[in-house]
Amino acid sequence: MSDQWPTVPDGELERGGWRLADRTRERLFELPRVTVDGHTRLYEEPSVGEQFGIDEPLCFFFATRLAFQPELPGGASRLVEPMIRTRARSQFLGDLRERGFLDLQYRTDDDFRTADGHAGQLTTVRGRCRVGDRTLDATGWLAVWQNETFFVAGGGYPNIDTERNYREELLNLLRNVR
């Protein structure tokens, strides 16, 4: 595969004011005779932070495409999928904590579907996040699915009273990663 970067819904990101904050390629882990690299695009949406008078963006979205070297042989993806899901969830919970999310509780369901019909697993994380001197309820989403390779996408936001529906917006972004 020549382009290892995940394809994201650029038009929706632009309309929503999301800004590319980082683009990374890193070795995520190694299996016997196989290395796994992640190619990640991280976006942040600053308007919620601005509402509270802070420079830190409180809403984020990321998309990662995994690359295996050498490529996994047919059928092997079913063997590594539970490990990928577990590692992705652990990393995501750690990322949420680094962003100030507290008291995290999560639930995982196997009912996630991408816009192009691929089935995956969706983890919903509920907690709280620090916003200046306040603490607000917050939500995070993590999706893991397979389409030729594995994809991991997620994000989080504080639950605030606004006309903008961050829940639907973030879920739509997740469903449209390729």
N, C-alpha and C. Protein backbone atom coordinates (compact mmCIF):
# COMPACT_ATOMS: atom_id res chain seq x y z
N MET A 1 0.85 -1.17 0.00
CA MET A 1 0.00 0.00 0.00
C MET A 1 0.90 1.23 0.00
N SER A 2 0.74 2.09 -0.99
CA SER A 2 1.64 3.22 -1.13
C SER A 2 1.34 4.34 -0.13
N ASP A 3 0.06 4.59 0.16
CA ASP A 3 -0.29 5.63 1.12
C ASP A 3 -0.74 4.98 2.41
N GLN A 4 0.11 5.04 3.42
CA GLN A 4 -0.19 4.41 4.70
C GLN A 4 -1.09 5.26 5.59
N TRP A 5 -1.31 6.52 5.22
CA TRP A 5 -2.10 7.41 6.07
C TRP A 5 -3.59 7.13 5.90
N PRO A 6 -4.35 7.19 6.98
CA PRO A 6 -5.80 6.99 6.86
C PRO A 6 -6.42 8.15 6.09
N THR A 7 -7.46 7.85 5.37
CA THR A 7 -8.24 8.88 4.69
C THR A 7 -9.33 9.34 5.65
N VAL A 8 -9.43 10.63 5.83
CA VAL A 8 -10.42 11.20 6.74
C VAL A 8 -11.37 12.09 5.96
N PRO A 9 -12.56 12.36 6.50
CA PRO A 9 -13.53 13.21 5.80
C PRO A 9 -13.13 14.68 5.88
N ASP A 10 -12.23 15.09 5.00
CA ASP A 10 -11.67 16.44 5.04
C ASP A 10 -12.73 17.54 5.02
N GLY A 11 -13.75 17.39 4.18
CA GLY A 11 -14.79 18.42 4.09
C GLY A 11 -15.52 18.62 5.40
N GLU A 12 -15.87 17.52 6.06
CA GLU A 12 -16.57 17.61 7.34
C GLU A 12 -15.67 18.22 8.42
N LEU A 13 -14.40 17.83 8.40
CA LEU A 13 -13.46 18.39 9.37
C LEU A 13 -13.32 19.90 9.18
N GLU A 14 -13.20 20.31 7.94
CA GLU A 14 -13.04 21.74 7.64
C GLU A 14 -14.30 22.52 8.04
N ARG A 15 -15.48 22.00 7.69
CA ARG A 15 -16.74 22.67 8.06
C ARG A 15 -16.90 22.78 9.57
N GLY A 16 -16.40 21.79 10.30
CA GLY A 16 -16.54 21.80 11.75
C GLY A 16 -15.45 22.58 12.47
N GLY A 17 -14.50 23.15 11.73
CA GLY A 17 -13.44 23.93 12.36
C GLY A 17 -12.33 23.09 12.96
N TRP A 18 -12.28 21.80 12.60
CA TRP A 18 -11.22 20.92 13.10
C TRP A 18 -9.92 21.26 12.39
N ARG A 19 -8.83 21.25 13.15
CA ARG A 19 -7.51 21.59 12.59
C ARG A 19 -6.55 20.43 12.80
N LEU A 20 -5.76 20.14 11.77
CA LEU A 20 -4.75 19.09 11.89
C LEU A 20 -3.71 19.55 12.91
N ALA A 21 -3.58 18.80 14.01
CA ALA A 21 -2.66 19.16 15.09
C ALA A 21 -1.37 18.37 15.01
N ASP A 22 -1.44 17.15 14.45
CA ASP A 22 -0.24 16.31 14.39
C ASP A 22 -0.46 15.19 13.39
N ARG A 23 0.63 14.75 12.84
CA ARG A 23 0.64 13.62 11.92
C ARG A 23 1.88 12.81 12.28
N THR A 24 1.67 11.57 12.76
CA THR A 24 2.79 10.79 13.26
C THR A 24 2.82 9.39 12.65
N ARG A 25 4.02 8.87 12.58
CA ARG A 25 4.24 7.47 12.22
C ARG A 25 5.11 6.91 13.33
N GLU A 26 4.62 5.84 13.98
CA GLU A 26 5.39 5.29 15.09
C GLU A 26 5.22 3.78 15.16
N ARG A 27 6.24 3.13 15.69
CA ARG A 27 6.18 1.70 15.94
C ARG A 27 5.31 1.49 17.17
N LEU A 28 4.19 0.81 17.00
CA LEU A 28 3.26 0.59 18.11
C LEU A 28 3.63 -0.62 18.93
N PHE A 29 3.98 -1.72 18.25
CA PHE A 29 4.42 -2.92 18.96
C PHE A 29 4.98 -3.91 17.97
N GLU A 30 5.56 -4.96 18.52
CA GLU A 30 6.14 -6.02 17.71
C GLU A 30 5.57 -7.36 18.16
N LEU A 31 5.29 -8.18 17.18
CA LEU A 31 4.87 -9.55 17.40
C LEU A 31 6.02 -10.44 16.94
N PRO A 32 5.98 -11.72 17.22
CA PRO A 32 7.02 -12.58 16.66
C PRO A 32 7.05 -12.46 15.13
N ARG A 33 8.15 -11.98 14.60
CA ARG A 33 8.39 -11.84 13.16
C ARG A 33 7.54 -10.77 12.46
N VAL A 34 6.82 -9.93 13.21
CA VAL A 34 5.98 -8.90 12.60
C VAL A 34 6.09 -7.62 13.41
N THR A 35 6.26 -6.49 12.72
CA THR A 35 6.22 -5.18 13.38
C THR A 35 4.91 -4.49 12.99
N VAL A 36 4.41 -3.67 13.89
CA VAL A 36 3.16 -2.96 13.65
C VAL A 36 3.41 -1.47 13.85
N ASP A 37 3.24 -0.72 12.76
CA ASP A 37 3.38 0.73 12.79
C ASP A 37 2.01 1.37 12.70
N GLY A 38 1.87 2.51 13.33
CA GLY A 38 0.63 3.28 13.25
C GLY A 38 0.89 4.59 12.53
N HIS A 39 0.04 4.91 11.58
CA HIS A 39 0.09 6.17 10.85
C HIS A 39 -1.14 6.96 11.28
N THR A 40 -0.91 8.03 12.04
CA THR A 40 -2.01 8.72 12.74
C THR A 40 -2.11 10.17 12.32
N ARG A 41 -3.35 10.60 12.14
CA ARG A 41 -3.68 12.02 11.97
C ARG A 41 -4.51 12.43 13.18
N LEU A 42 -4.08 13.50 13.85
CA LEU A 42 -4.77 14.01 15.03
C LEU A 42 -5.32 15.40 14.71
N TYR A 43 -6.60 15.58 15.01
CA TYR A 43 -7.28 16.85 14.78
C TYR A 43 -7.81 17.38 16.10
N GLU A 44 -7.84 18.69 16.22
CA GLU A 44 -8.41 19.33 17.40
C GLU A 44 -9.37 20.42 16.95
N GLU A 45 -10.37 20.65 17.77
CA GLU A 45 -11.37 21.67 17.48
C GLU A 45 -11.36 22.64 18.65
N PRO A 46 -10.92 23.89 18.43
CA PRO A 46 -10.65 24.80 19.54
C PRO A 46 -11.83 25.58 20.11
N SER A 47 -13.00 25.54 19.50
CA SER A 47 -14.06 26.48 19.91
C SER A 47 -14.55 26.25 21.35
N VAL A 48 -14.58 25.02 21.83
CA VAL A 48 -15.05 24.79 23.20
C VAL A 48 -14.07 25.40 24.20
N GLY A 49 -12.78 25.20 23.99
CA GLY A 49 -11.79 25.82 24.86
C GLY A 49 -11.90 27.33 24.85
N GLU A 50 -12.13 27.88 23.66
CA GLU A 50 -12.28 29.33 23.54
C GLU A 50 -13.50 29.83 24.32
N GLN A 51 -14.58 29.04 24.34
CA GLN A 51 -15.78 29.43 25.10
C GLN A 51 -15.48 29.58 26.59
N PHE A 52 -14.51 28.79 27.06
CA PHE A 52 -14.15 28.83 28.48
C PHE A 52 -12.91 29.69 28.73
N GLY A 53 -12.44 30.39 27.69
CA GLY A 53 -11.30 31.29 27.85
C GLY A 53 -9.96 30.60 28.02
N ILE A 54 -9.83 29.39 27.48
CA ILE A 54 -8.54 28.70 27.55
C ILE A 54 -8.06 28.38 26.14
N ASP A 55 -6.74 28.35 25.98
CA ASP A 55 -6.14 28.11 24.67
C ASP A 55 -6.11 26.63 24.29
N GLU A 56 -6.34 25.78 25.26
CA GLU A 56 -6.24 24.34 25.04
C GLU A 56 -7.50 23.81 24.35
N PRO A 57 -7.34 23.12 23.19
CA PRO A 57 -8.52 22.54 22.55
C PRO A 57 -9.05 21.37 23.39
N LEU A 58 -10.34 21.33 23.62
CA LEU A 58 -10.93 20.30 24.46
C LEU A 58 -11.53 19.15 23.64
N CYS A 59 -11.78 19.38 22.36
CA CYS A 59 -12.35 18.36 21.48
C CYS A 59 -11.25 17.86 20.55
N PHE A 60 -11.14 16.54 20.44
CA PHE A 60 -10.12 15.98 19.56
C PHE A 60 -10.65 14.76 18.82
N PHE A 61 -10.02 14.47 17.70
CA PHE A 61 -10.37 13.33 16.84
C PHE A 61 -9.08 12.82 16.23
N PHE A 62 -8.92 11.50 16.20
CA PHE A 62 -7.75 10.94 15.54
C PHE A 62 -8.16 9.74 14.70
N ALA A 63 -7.35 9.44 13.71
CA ALA A 63 -7.54 8.27 12.86
C ALA A 63 -6.18 7.65 12.63
N THR A 64 -6.10 6.32 12.81
CA THR A 64 -4.85 5.59 12.65
C THR A 64 -5.06 4.40 11.72
N ARG A 65 -4.15 4.24 10.79
CA ARG A 65 -4.11 3.05 9.95
C ARG A 65 -2.90 2.24 10.40
N LEU A 66 -3.12 0.96 10.68
CA LEU A 66 -2.02 0.09 11.09
C LEU A 66 -1.37 -0.53 9.86
N ALA A 67 -0.06 -0.64 9.92
CA ALA A 67 0.71 -1.28 8.85
C ALA A 67 1.55 -2.39 9.46
N PHE A 68 1.46 -3.58 8.90
CA PHE A 68 2.18 -4.75 9.37
C PHE A 68 3.32 -5.05 8.41
N GLN A 69 4.51 -5.31 8.98
CA GLN A 69 5.66 -5.70 8.16
C GLN A 69 6.24 -6.98 8.71
N PRO A 70 6.27 -8.05 7.95
CA PRO A 70 5.60 -8.21 6.66
C PRO A 70 4.09 -8.25 6.86
N GLU A 71 3.35 -8.13 5.76
CA GLU A 71 1.89 -8.17 5.85
C GLU A 71 1.44 -9.48 6.46
N LEU A 72 0.33 -9.41 7.17
CA LEU A 72 -0.20 -10.61 7.81
C LEU A 72 -0.70 -11.60 6.76
N PRO A 73 -0.40 -12.87 6.94
CA PRO A 73 -0.95 -13.87 6.02
C PRO A 73 -2.46 -14.01 6.23
N GLY A 74 -3.15 -14.53 5.23
CA GLY A 74 -4.59 -14.71 5.30
C GLY A 74 -5.01 -15.43 6.57
N GLY A 75 -6.03 -14.94 7.23
CA GLY A 75 -6.55 -15.56 8.44
C GLY A 75 -5.86 -15.13 9.72
N ALA A 76 -4.65 -14.59 9.61
CA ALA A 76 -3.90 -14.21 10.82
C ALA A 76 -4.51 -12.98 11.50
N SER A 77 -5.23 -12.17 10.74
CA SER A 77 -5.80 -10.96 11.34
C SER A 77 -6.78 -11.31 12.46
N ARG A 78 -7.50 -12.44 12.33
CA ARG A 78 -8.42 -12.84 13.39
C ARG A 78 -7.68 -13.16 14.68
N LEU A 79 -6.44 -13.62 14.54
CA LEU A 79 -5.65 -13.96 15.72
C LEU A 79 -5.14 -12.73 16.46
N VAL A 80 -4.80 -11.68 15.71
CA VAL A 80 -4.24 -10.48 16.34
C VAL A 80 -5.30 -9.45 16.70
N GLU A 81 -6.51 -9.60 16.19
CA GLU A 81 -7.55 -8.60 16.44
C GLU A 81 -7.84 -8.36 17.92
N PRO A 82 -7.99 -9.40 18.75
CA PRO A 82 -8.24 -9.13 20.18
C PRO A 82 -7.11 -8.32 20.83
N MET A 83 -5.87 -8.61 20.46
CA MET A 83 -4.75 -7.87 21.02
C MET A 83 -4.77 -6.41 20.55
N ILE A 84 -5.08 -6.18 19.29
CA ILE A 84 -5.15 -4.82 18.77
C ILE A 84 -6.24 -4.04 19.49
N ARG A 85 -7.39 -4.64 19.69
CA ARG A 85 -8.49 -3.96 20.39
C ARG A 85 -8.11 -3.62 21.82
N THR A 86 -7.49 -4.57 22.51
CA THR A 86 -7.10 -4.35 23.90
C THR A 86 -6.04 -3.25 24.01
N ARG A 87 -5.02 -3.30 23.14
CA ARG A 87 -3.97 -2.28 23.18
C ARG A 87 -4.51 -0.91 22.80
N ALA A 88 -5.38 -0.85 21.80
CA ALA A 88 -5.95 0.43 21.38
C ALA A 88 -6.76 1.04 22.52
N ARG A 89 -7.57 0.22 23.19
CA ARG A 89 -8.39 0.74 24.30
C ARG A 89 -7.50 1.24 25.45
N SER A 90 -6.47 0.48 25.79
CA SER A 90 -5.56 0.89 26.86
C SER A 90 -4.86 2.20 26.52
N GLN A 91 -4.39 2.33 25.30
CA GLN A 91 -3.72 3.57 24.85
C GLN A 91 -4.70 4.75 24.87
N PHE A 92 -5.92 4.50 24.40
CA PHE A 92 -6.93 5.56 24.35
C PHE A 92 -7.28 6.06 25.75
N LEU A 93 -7.48 5.15 26.68
CA LEU A 93 -7.77 5.56 28.06
C LEU A 93 -6.62 6.38 28.64
N GLY A 94 -5.38 5.98 28.33
CA GLY A 94 -4.22 6.75 28.77
C GLY A 94 -4.19 8.14 28.14
N ASP A 95 -4.52 8.22 26.85
CA ASP A 95 -4.56 9.52 26.17
C ASP A 95 -5.63 10.42 26.78
N LEU A 96 -6.79 9.85 27.09
CA LEU A 96 -7.84 10.65 27.72
C LEU A 96 -7.37 11.19 29.07
N ARG A 97 -6.71 10.36 29.85
CA ARG A 97 -6.20 10.82 31.15
C ARG A 97 -5.19 11.96 30.96
N GLU A 98 -4.32 11.84 29.96
CA GLU A 98 -3.35 12.91 29.69
C GLU A 98 -4.04 14.21 29.31
N ARG A 99 -5.20 14.12 28.71
CA ARG A 99 -5.96 15.31 28.33
C ARG A 99 -6.84 15.82 29.47
N GLY A 100 -6.71 15.22 30.65
CA GLY A 100 -7.43 15.71 31.82
C GLY A 100 -8.75 15.01 32.09
N PHE A 101 -9.06 13.93 31.38
CA PHE A 101 -10.28 13.18 31.67
C PHE A 101 -10.08 12.39 32.96
N LEU A 102 -11.12 12.37 33.80
CA LEU A 102 -11.07 11.71 35.11
C LEU A 102 -12.20 10.71 35.24
N ASP A 103 -12.08 9.82 36.23
CA ASP A 103 -13.17 8.90 36.60
C ASP A 103 -13.72 8.15 35.39
N LEU A 104 -12.83 7.57 34.59
CA LEU A 104 -13.24 6.94 33.34
C LEU A 104 -13.91 5.60 33.56
N GLN A 105 -15.02 5.42 32.88
CA GLN A 105 -15.73 4.14 32.82
C GLN A 105 -16.03 3.88 31.36
N TYR A 106 -15.90 2.62 30.93
CA TYR A 106 -16.14 2.35 29.53
C TYR A 106 -17.00 1.12 29.32
N ARG A 107 -17.62 1.10 28.14
CA ARG A 107 -18.44 -0.02 27.68
C ARG A 107 -18.09 -0.27 26.22
N THR A 108 -17.92 -1.53 25.86
CA THR A 108 -17.56 -1.88 24.50
C THR A 108 -18.67 -2.71 23.87
N ASP A 109 -19.03 -2.35 22.63
CA ASP A 109 -20.07 -3.05 21.88
C ASP A 109 -19.53 -3.42 20.50
N ASP A 110 -20.05 -4.50 19.95
CA ASP A 110 -19.64 -4.96 18.62
C ASP A 110 -20.62 -4.53 17.54
N ASP A 111 -21.22 -3.37 17.70
CA ASP A 111 -22.24 -2.94 16.74
C ASP A 111 -21.83 -1.74 15.89
N PHE A 112 -20.55 -1.45 15.82
CA PHE A 112 -20.07 -0.30 15.03
C PHE A 112 -20.01 -0.68 13.55
N ARG A 113 -20.44 0.22 12.68
CA ARG A 113 -20.34 0.03 11.23
C ARG A 113 -19.80 1.31 10.60
N THR A 114 -18.83 1.13 9.71
CA THR A 114 -18.31 2.28 8.99
C THR A 114 -19.31 2.67 7.90
N ALA A 115 -19.13 3.84 7.31
CA ALA A 115 -20.02 4.29 6.25
C ALA A 115 -19.99 3.35 5.04
N ASP A 116 -18.86 2.68 4.85
CA ASP A 116 -18.78 1.74 3.71
C ASP A 116 -19.06 0.30 4.12
N GLY A 117 -19.66 0.10 5.32
CA GLY A 117 -20.20 -1.19 5.70
C GLY A 117 -19.31 -2.15 6.46
N HIS A 118 -18.14 -1.74 6.88
CA HIS A 118 -17.26 -2.64 7.63
C HIS A 118 -17.65 -2.66 9.11
N ALA A 119 -17.72 -3.86 9.67
CA ALA A 119 -18.12 -4.03 11.07
C ALA A 119 -16.91 -3.86 11.98
N GLY A 120 -17.15 -3.31 13.14
CA GLY A 120 -16.07 -3.12 14.10
C GLY A 120 -16.60 -3.06 15.51
N GLN A 121 -15.74 -2.64 16.38
CA GLN A 121 -16.05 -2.55 17.80
C GLN A 121 -15.97 -1.09 18.23
N LEU A 122 -16.94 -0.65 19.01
CA LEU A 122 -16.99 0.73 19.50
C LEU A 122 -16.96 0.72 21.02
N THR A 123 -16.03 1.47 21.58
CA THR A 123 -15.94 1.63 23.03
C THR A 123 -16.39 3.04 23.37
N THR A 124 -17.34 3.14 24.27
CA THR A 124 -17.84 4.42 24.77
C THR A 124 -17.23 4.65 26.14
N VAL A 125 -16.61 5.81 26.31
CA VAL A 125 -15.97 6.15 27.58
C VAL A 125 -16.69 7.36 28.17
N ARG A 126 -17.09 7.22 29.41
CA ARG A 126 -17.72 8.33 30.13
C ARG A 126 -16.79 8.72 31.27
N GLY A 127 -16.75 10.01 31.54
CA GLY A 127 -15.93 10.50 32.63
C GLY A 127 -16.18 11.97 32.84
N ARG A 128 -15.16 12.63 33.32
CA ARG A 128 -15.22 14.07 33.54
C ARG A 128 -13.92 14.66 33.04
N CYS A 129 -13.93 15.94 32.72
CA CYS A 129 -12.68 16.59 32.30
C CYS A 129 -12.58 17.96 32.94
N ARG A 130 -11.35 18.35 33.16
CA ARG A 130 -11.07 19.66 33.75
C ARG A 130 -11.12 20.71 32.65
N VAL A 131 -11.83 21.77 32.92
CA VAL A 131 -11.92 22.91 32.01
C VAL A 131 -11.68 24.14 32.85
N GLY A 132 -10.45 24.63 32.84
CA GLY A 132 -10.10 25.74 33.71
C GLY A 132 -10.29 25.32 35.15
N ASP A 133 -11.13 26.06 35.89
CA ASP A 133 -11.37 25.72 37.30
C ASP A 133 -12.65 24.90 37.47
N ARG A 134 -13.22 24.43 36.36
CA ARG A 134 -14.45 23.63 36.40
C ARG A 134 -14.16 22.19 36.00
N THR A 135 -15.05 21.30 36.37
CA THR A 135 -15.01 19.91 35.91
C THR A 135 -16.35 19.59 35.27
N LEU A 136 -16.31 19.12 34.02
CA LEU A 136 -17.52 18.83 33.25
C LEU A 136 -17.59 17.35 32.92
N ASP A 137 -18.81 16.85 32.71
CA ASP A 137 -18.96 15.50 32.17
C ASP A 137 -18.33 15.48 30.79
N ALA A 138 -17.79 14.32 30.41
CA ALA A 138 -17.11 14.20 29.12
C ALA A 138 -17.34 12.81 28.54
N THR A 139 -17.20 12.73 27.23
CA THR A 139 -17.39 11.47 26.52
C THR A 139 -16.24 11.24 25.56
N GLY A 140 -15.85 9.99 25.43
CA GLY A 140 -14.85 9.59 24.44
C GLY A 140 -15.37 8.39 23.67
N TRP A 141 -14.95 8.27 22.42
CA TRP A 141 -15.34 7.15 21.56
C TRP A 141 -14.08 6.56 20.95
N LEU A 142 -14.04 5.24 20.87
CA LEU A 142 -12.93 4.55 20.21
C LEU A 142 -13.52 3.45 19.33
N ALA A 143 -13.16 3.47 18.06
CA ALA A 143 -13.63 2.44 17.12
C ALA A 143 -12.42 1.69 16.56
N VAL A 144 -12.57 0.37 16.44
CA VAL A 144 -11.54 -0.48 15.85
C VAL A 144 -12.23 -1.38 14.83
N TRP A 145 -11.71 -1.40 13.61
CA TRP A 145 -12.29 -2.25 12.57
C TRP A 145 -11.22 -2.64 11.56
N GLN A 146 -11.62 -3.52 10.67
CA GLN A 146 -10.69 -4.02 9.66
C GLN A 146 -11.28 -3.80 8.27
N ASN A 147 -10.45 -3.29 7.39
CA ASN A 147 -10.78 -3.10 5.98
C ASN A 147 -9.45 -3.19 5.25
N GLU A 148 -9.05 -4.36 4.82
CA GLU A 148 -7.74 -4.67 4.26
C GLU A 148 -6.65 -4.63 5.32
N THR A 149 -6.68 -3.64 6.19
CA THR A 149 -5.81 -3.58 7.36
C THR A 149 -6.67 -3.11 8.53
N PHE A 150 -6.06 -2.90 9.66
CA PHE A 150 -6.81 -2.44 10.82
C PHE A 150 -6.80 -0.91 10.88
N PHE A 151 -7.93 -0.38 11.35
CA PHE A 151 -8.07 1.05 11.59
C PHE A 151 -8.49 1.25 13.03
N VAL A 152 -7.98 2.32 13.63
CA VAL A 152 -8.36 2.73 14.97
C VAL A 152 -8.66 4.22 14.87
N ALA A 153 -9.82 4.62 15.34
CA ALA A 153 -10.19 6.04 15.30
C ALA A 153 -10.94 6.37 16.58
N GLY A 154 -10.82 7.59 17.01
CA GLY A 154 -11.51 7.98 18.23
C GLY A 154 -11.45 9.46 18.47
N GLY A 155 -11.95 9.84 19.63
CA GLY A 155 -11.93 11.24 20.01
C GLY A 155 -12.68 11.45 21.29
N GLY A 156 -12.71 12.69 21.72
CA GLY A 156 -13.38 13.02 22.96
C GLY A 156 -13.81 14.47 22.99
N TYR A 157 -14.72 14.77 23.91
CA TYR A 157 -15.26 16.12 24.03
C TYR A 157 -15.94 16.26 25.39
N PRO A 158 -15.96 17.48 25.93
CA PRO A 158 -16.74 17.72 27.14
C PRO A 158 -18.22 17.83 26.76
N ASN A 159 -19.09 17.37 27.62
CA ASN A 159 -20.53 17.46 27.36
C ASN A 159 -20.99 18.84 27.81
N ILE A 160 -21.19 19.69 26.84
CA ILE A 160 -21.63 21.06 27.15
C ILE A 160 -22.93 21.33 26.42
N ASP A 161 -23.66 22.28 26.95
CA ASP A 161 -24.93 22.68 26.34
C ASP A 161 -24.61 23.62 25.17
N THR A 162 -24.78 23.10 23.97
CA THR A 162 -24.49 23.89 22.77
C THR A 162 -25.40 23.42 21.65
N GLU A 163 -25.58 24.28 20.65
CA GLU A 163 -26.37 23.89 19.49
C GLU A 163 -25.64 22.82 18.67
N ARG A 164 -24.36 22.77 18.81
CA ARG A 164 -23.56 21.81 18.06
C ARG A 164 -23.63 20.44 18.74
N ASN A 165 -23.86 19.39 17.97
CA ASN A 165 -23.98 18.04 18.50
C ASN A 165 -22.64 17.32 18.30
N TYR A 166 -21.75 17.43 19.29
CA TYR A 166 -20.42 16.81 19.17
C TYR A 166 -20.52 15.29 19.10
N ARG A 167 -21.50 14.72 19.76
CA ARG A 167 -21.68 13.27 19.73
C ARG A 167 -21.87 12.79 18.29
N GLU A 168 -22.86 13.34 17.61
CA GLU A 168 -23.14 12.92 16.23
C GLU A 168 -22.00 13.28 15.29
N GLU A 169 -21.40 14.44 15.51
CA GLU A 169 -20.30 14.87 14.66
C GLU A 169 -19.11 13.91 14.77
N LEU A 170 -18.74 13.57 15.99
CA LEU A 170 -17.60 12.68 16.18
C LEU A 170 -17.90 11.28 15.66
N LEU A 171 -19.08 10.74 15.93
CA LEU A 171 -19.44 9.42 15.42
C LEU A 171 -19.43 9.41 13.88
N ASN A 172 -19.88 10.47 13.27
CA ASN A 172 -19.86 10.56 11.81
C ASN A 172 -18.41 10.58 11.29
N LEU A 173 -17.54 11.31 11.97
CA LEU A 173 -16.12 11.32 11.57
C LEU A 173 -15.55 9.91 11.66
N LEU A 174 -15.83 9.21 12.77
CA LEU A 174 -15.32 7.84 12.94
C LEU A 174 -15.79 6.93 11.82
N ARG A 175 -17.06 7.02 11.48
CA ARG A 175 -17.63 6.14 10.45
C ARG A 175 -17.05 6.38 9.06
N ASN A 176 -16.48 7.56 8.85
CA ASN A 176 -16.00 7.91 7.51
C ASN A 176 -14.49 7.87 7.34
N VAL A 177 -13.79 7.23 8.26
CA VAL A 177 -12.35 7.01 8.11
C VAL A 177 -12.16 5.81 7.20
N ARG A 178 -11.17 5.93 6.29
CA ARG A 178 -10.85 4.82 5.37
C ARG A 178 -9.35 4.67 5.29
